[in-house]
Amino acid sequence: MAFILCIETATEVCSVAVFNKNKLLVINEIKDGNMHASALTKLIVNSISEANITLKQLNAICVSKGPGSYTGLRVGVSTAKGLCYGLNIPLLSVNTLHGIAGFYMQQNPNNKITLCPMIDARRMEVYTALFDFNLHELIPTKAAVIDEKSFINELNQQHMLFLGNGAEKCKSTIIHPNAVFIDGVHCSAAGLGQLAYQQYLSGKFEDTAYFEPFYLKDFVGTVSKKQH
């Protein structure tokens, strides 16, 4: 047995799953972007209980590392690192876009199509990457401003499935007979398990002390101007 706790907080979804090897045992999640900090610990406790195991039985913890929400990523990564320290178990991480693709393929294992997961950024910008149906990366993660020419070379060669919370706003811009948009595929800890277990078997562990989220873009904060 290899029990792996998976944590996904990169977007508006706060999600926790427990896997035994690559088999999903429990999934709990809420879809309120303002609740990550207060909800994550409770979701972890509930998921461990529903899986009929204890924290001490965990073999590893996997966190969705980004890109995504700066605050959400900080919550997930800091929680995962704290648990790994306390339990003295390895930390795993999965690219958030890879996890979205994994979530879709978990539900549709026979669909042989190129996957383009998208995470909503500002205006017409998305975080995106390209994967084949075996979840191998074809185009690495990038921030892209979407226009009518986006992915035109790839679309001229093959069908592509656009999914994730950034795909919705691109429907009216990426118009091509090979472009397929699917609703309802969100970031979920359920999509991390298979990828996490592969890393666990290969010993691809993160340095718990120095691991940081993959923000992709620098965080820019704003300070209100004082009235004079």
Protein backbone atom coordinates (compact mmCIF):
# COMPACT_ATOMS: atom_id res chain seq x y z
CA MET A 1 0.00 0.00 0.00
CA ALA A 2 1.04 3.59 -0.62
CA PHE A 3 -1.30 6.21 0.76
CA ILE A 4 -0.90 9.64 -0.85
CA LEU A 5 -2.76 12.76 0.23
CA CYS A 6 -3.32 15.19 -2.66
CA ILE A 7 -4.03 18.91 -2.20
CA GLU A 8 -5.35 21.26 -4.92
CA THR A 9 -5.81 24.97 -4.09
CA ALA A 10 -4.49 26.72 -7.22
CA THR A 11 -7.86 28.13 -8.36
CA GLU A 12 -11.30 28.78 -6.90
CA VAL A 13 -11.57 25.09 -5.97
CA CYS A 14 -10.22 23.82 -2.66
CA SER A 15 -9.85 20.07 -3.09
CA VAL A 16 -8.38 17.17 -1.12
CA ALA A 17 -8.12 13.54 -2.17
CA VAL A 18 -6.68 10.36 -0.70
CA PHE A 19 -5.20 7.69 -2.97
CA ASN A 20 -3.92 4.20 -2.34
CA LYS A 21 -1.25 3.98 -5.03
CA ASN A 22 -3.16 5.39 -8.05
CA LYS A 23 -6.61 4.36 -6.83
CA LEU A 24 -8.86 7.17 -5.62
CA LEU A 25 -10.31 6.43 -2.18
CA VAL A 26 -11.84 9.77 -1.14
CA ILE A 27 -12.41 13.20 -2.70
CA ASN A 28 -13.70 16.27 -0.87
CA GLU A 29 -13.84 19.76 -2.32
CA ILE A 30 -15.53 23.13 -2.20
CA LYS A 31 -15.74 25.72 -4.98
CA ASP A 32 -15.43 28.99 -3.10
CA GLY A 33 -12.19 30.85 -3.74
CA ASN A 34 -12.44 32.76 -0.48
CA MET A 35 -12.51 29.69 1.77
CA HIS A 36 -9.16 27.99 1.12
CA ALA A 37 -7.39 29.06 4.31
CA SER A 38 -10.29 28.15 6.59
CA ALA A 39 -11.51 25.04 4.74
CA LEU A 40 -8.36 23.14 3.80
CA THR A 41 -7.53 21.67 7.21
CA LYS A 42 -11.11 20.49 7.70
CA LEU A 43 -11.16 18.87 4.25
CA ILE A 44 -7.92 17.05 5.07
CA VAL A 45 -9.24 15.78 8.41
CA ASN A 46 -12.51 14.63 6.84
CA SER A 47 -10.77 12.93 3.91
CA ILE A 48 -8.34 11.02 6.13
CA SER A 49 -11.23 9.90 8.32
CA GLU A 50 -13.36 8.78 5.36
CA ALA A 51 -10.42 6.81 3.97
CA ASN A 52 -10.25 4.93 7.30
CA ILE A 53 -6.59 5.74 7.82
CA THR A 54 -4.60 8.09 10.05
CA LEU A 55 -2.17 10.83 9.09
CA LYS A 56 0.68 8.61 10.30
CA GLN A 57 -0.22 6.03 7.65
CA LEU A 58 0.41 8.48 4.81
CA ASN A 59 3.41 7.67 2.65
CA ALA A 60 3.59 11.02 0.84
CA ILE A 61 1.76 14.28 0.22
CA CYS A 62 1.27 15.81 -3.22
CA VAL A 63 0.38 19.44 -3.84
CA SER A 64 -0.70 21.21 -7.00
CA LYS A 65 2.23 23.60 -7.48
CA GLY A 66 0.78 26.12 -9.95
CA PRO A 67 0.38 28.18 -11.95
CA GLY A 68 -2.71 29.72 -10.41
CA SER A 69 -3.86 32.01 -7.64
CA TYR A 70 -0.98 33.42 -5.60
CA THR A 71 -2.90 33.20 -2.33
CA GLY A 72 -4.38 29.79 -3.08
CA LEU A 73 -1.00 28.33 -3.95
CA ARG A 74 0.55 29.69 -0.76
CA VAL A 75 -2.16 28.06 1.33
CA GLY A 76 -1.82 24.66 -0.32
CA VAL A 77 1.97 24.55 -0.43
CA SER A 78 2.49 25.79 3.13
CA THR A 79 -0.01 23.23 4.45
CA ALA A 80 1.59 20.39 2.49
CA LYS A 81 5.08 21.34 3.64
CA GLY A 82 3.98 21.57 7.26
CA LEU A 83 2.43 18.11 7.16
CA CYS A 84 5.48 16.63 5.46
CA TYR A 85 7.75 18.11 8.12
CA GLY A 86 5.58 16.87 10.95
CA LEU A 87 5.09 13.38 9.53
CA ASN A 88 8.61 13.07 8.07
CA ILE A 89 7.30 11.94 4.68
CA PRO A 90 8.21 13.10 1.15
CA LEU A 91 6.62 16.02 -0.67
CA LEU A 92 5.46 15.59 -4.27
CA SER A 93 4.22 18.29 -6.63
CA VAL A 94 2.26 18.31 -9.89
CA ASN A 95 1.87 21.19 -12.33
CA THR A 96 -1.72 22.44 -12.01
CA LEU A 97 -2.36 22.27 -15.76
CA HIS A 98 -1.02 18.71 -15.83
CA GLY A 99 -3.47 17.91 -13.05
CA ILE A 100 -6.42 19.29 -15.04
CA ALA A 101 -5.44 17.11 -17.99
CA GLY A 102 -5.09 14.18 -15.61
CA PHE A 103 -8.54 14.78 -14.16
CA TYR A 104 -10.10 14.69 -17.64
CA MET A 105 -8.25 11.54 -18.72
CA GLN A 106 -9.19 9.81 -15.47
CA GLN A 107 -12.84 10.23 -16.47
CA ASN A 108 -12.31 9.66 -20.22
CA PRO A 109 -9.47 7.14 -20.56
CA ASN A 110 -10.40 6.14 -24.11
CA ASN A 111 -10.49 9.62 -25.61
CA LYS A 112 -7.43 9.95 -27.88
CA ILE A 113 -7.15 13.72 -28.25
CA THR A 114 -4.65 16.51 -27.57
CA LEU A 115 -5.51 18.37 -24.37
CA CYS A 116 -5.17 22.12 -23.82
CA PRO A 117 -6.00 22.92 -20.19
CA MET A 118 -6.43 26.61 -19.37
CA ILE A 119 -6.45 28.53 -16.11
CA ASP A 120 -8.13 31.92 -16.15
CA ALA A 121 -5.81 34.90 -15.71
CA ARG A 122 -6.70 38.53 -16.38
CA ARG A 123 -8.72 39.74 -19.34
CA MET A 124 -7.95 37.48 -22.33
CA GLU A 125 -4.88 35.95 -20.72
CA VAL A 126 -4.67 32.34 -19.61
CA TYR A 127 -2.08 29.97 -18.20
CA THR A 128 -1.92 27.04 -20.55
CA ALA A 129 0.07 24.07 -21.83
CA LEU A 130 -0.45 21.18 -24.26
CA PHE A 131 -0.54 17.46 -23.42
CA ASP A 132 -1.20 14.32 -25.40
CA PHE A 133 -3.73 11.73 -24.20
CA ASN A 134 -0.94 9.89 -22.36
CA LEU A 135 -0.39 13.11 -20.36
CA HIS A 136 3.00 13.76 -21.95
CA GLU A 137 3.79 17.46 -22.24
CA LEU A 138 3.82 18.76 -25.83
CA ILE A 139 4.09 22.50 -25.14
CA PRO A 140 5.36 23.72 -21.75
CA THR A 141 3.39 25.95 -19.42
CA LYS A 142 3.12 29.57 -20.45
CA ALA A 143 1.04 32.69 -19.97
CA ALA A 144 -0.73 33.52 -23.23
CA VAL A 145 -2.97 36.31 -24.43
CA ILE A 146 -5.64 34.60 -26.54
CA ASP A 147 -6.60 35.89 -29.98
CA GLU A 148 -7.99 34.37 -33.17
CA LYS A 149 -4.54 33.04 -34.17
CA SER A 150 -3.86 31.21 -30.91
CA PHE A 151 -2.87 27.54 -31.47
CA ILE A 152 -3.62 27.91 -35.18
CA ASN A 153 -0.65 25.75 -36.24
CA GLU A 154 -1.61 22.96 -33.85
CA LEU A 155 -5.29 23.16 -34.78
CA ASN A 156 -4.50 22.88 -38.48
CA GLN A 157 -2.89 19.51 -37.73
CA GLN A 158 -5.21 17.89 -35.17
CA HIS A 159 -8.28 18.07 -32.99
CA MET A 160 -7.70 19.78 -29.65
CA LEU A 161 -9.77 19.74 -26.49
CA PHE A 162 -9.85 23.00 -24.52
CA LEU A 163 -10.80 22.64 -20.86
CA GLY A 164 -10.42 24.28 -17.45
CA ASN A 165 -11.78 27.52 -16.02
CA GLY A 166 -9.90 29.60 -18.59
CA ALA A 167 -11.38 27.88 -21.63
CA GLU A 168 -14.87 29.37 -21.34
CA LYS A 169 -13.82 32.90 -22.26
CA CYS A 170 -11.89 31.64 -25.30
CA LYS A 171 -14.83 29.98 -27.04
CA SER A 172 -15.76 33.02 -29.10
CA THR A 173 -12.14 33.77 -30.04
CA ILE A 174 -10.62 30.38 -30.93
CA ILE A 175 -12.94 29.36 -33.76
CA HIS A 176 -11.72 26.37 -35.73
CA PRO A 177 -13.32 23.09 -36.84
CA ASN A 178 -10.70 21.16 -34.85
CA ALA A 179 -11.26 23.13 -31.64
CA VAL A 180 -13.48 21.36 -29.08
CA PHE A 181 -14.49 23.07 -25.84
CA ILE A 182 -15.75 21.14 -22.85
CA ASP A 183 -17.36 22.58 -19.73
CA GLY A 184 -17.25 21.30 -16.18
CA VAL A 185 -13.62 20.19 -15.96
CA HIS A 186 -12.08 22.01 -13.02
CA CYS A 187 -8.95 21.78 -10.93
CA SER A 188 -9.36 18.79 -8.65
CA ALA A 189 -7.10 16.80 -6.34
CA ALA A 190 -8.60 13.75 -8.07
CA GLY A 191 -6.46 14.58 -11.10
CA LEU A 192 -3.20 14.49 -9.15
CA GLY A 193 -3.17 10.89 -7.95
CA GLN A 194 -1.86 9.01 -10.98
CA LEU A 195 0.85 11.59 -11.62
CA ALA A 196 1.76 11.70 -7.92
CA TYR A 197 2.08 7.93 -7.70
CA GLN A 198 4.40 7.85 -10.72
CA GLN A 199 6.62 10.41 -9.00
CA TYR A 200 6.49 8.46 -5.76
CA LEU A 201 7.64 5.26 -7.47
CA SER A 202 10.50 7.07 -9.21
CA GLY A 203 11.57 8.87 -6.03
CA LYS A 204 11.01 12.29 -7.56
CA PHE A 205 10.60 14.16 -4.28
CA GLU A 206 10.70 17.91 -3.66
CA ASP A 207 13.07 19.54 -1.18
CA THR A 208 10.54 20.29 1.53
CA ALA A 209 12.64 23.07 3.04
CA TYR A 210 13.10 25.06 -0.15
CA PHE A 211 10.13 24.15 -2.34
CA GLU A 212 8.10 27.13 -3.57
CA PRO A 213 4.95 27.33 -5.71
CA PHE A 214 5.26 27.77 -9.46
CA TYR A 215 3.72 31.21 -9.84
CA LEU A 216 4.79 31.62 -13.50
CA LYS A 217 4.35 35.38 -13.14
CA ASP A 218 5.55 37.65 -10.35
CA PHE A 219 2.96 38.64 -7.79
CA VAL A 220 1.96 42.29 -8.06
CA GLY A 221 0.29 43.79 -5.02
CA THR A 222 -1.50 47.11 -4.81
CA VAL A 223 -1.38 49.71 -2.09
CA SER A 224 -4.21 52.16 -1.67
CA LYS A 225 -3.35 55.82 -1.84
CA LYS A 226 -3.86 57.83 1.30
CA GLN A 227 -6.22 60.74 1.16
CA HIS A 228 -4.66 64.11 1.84
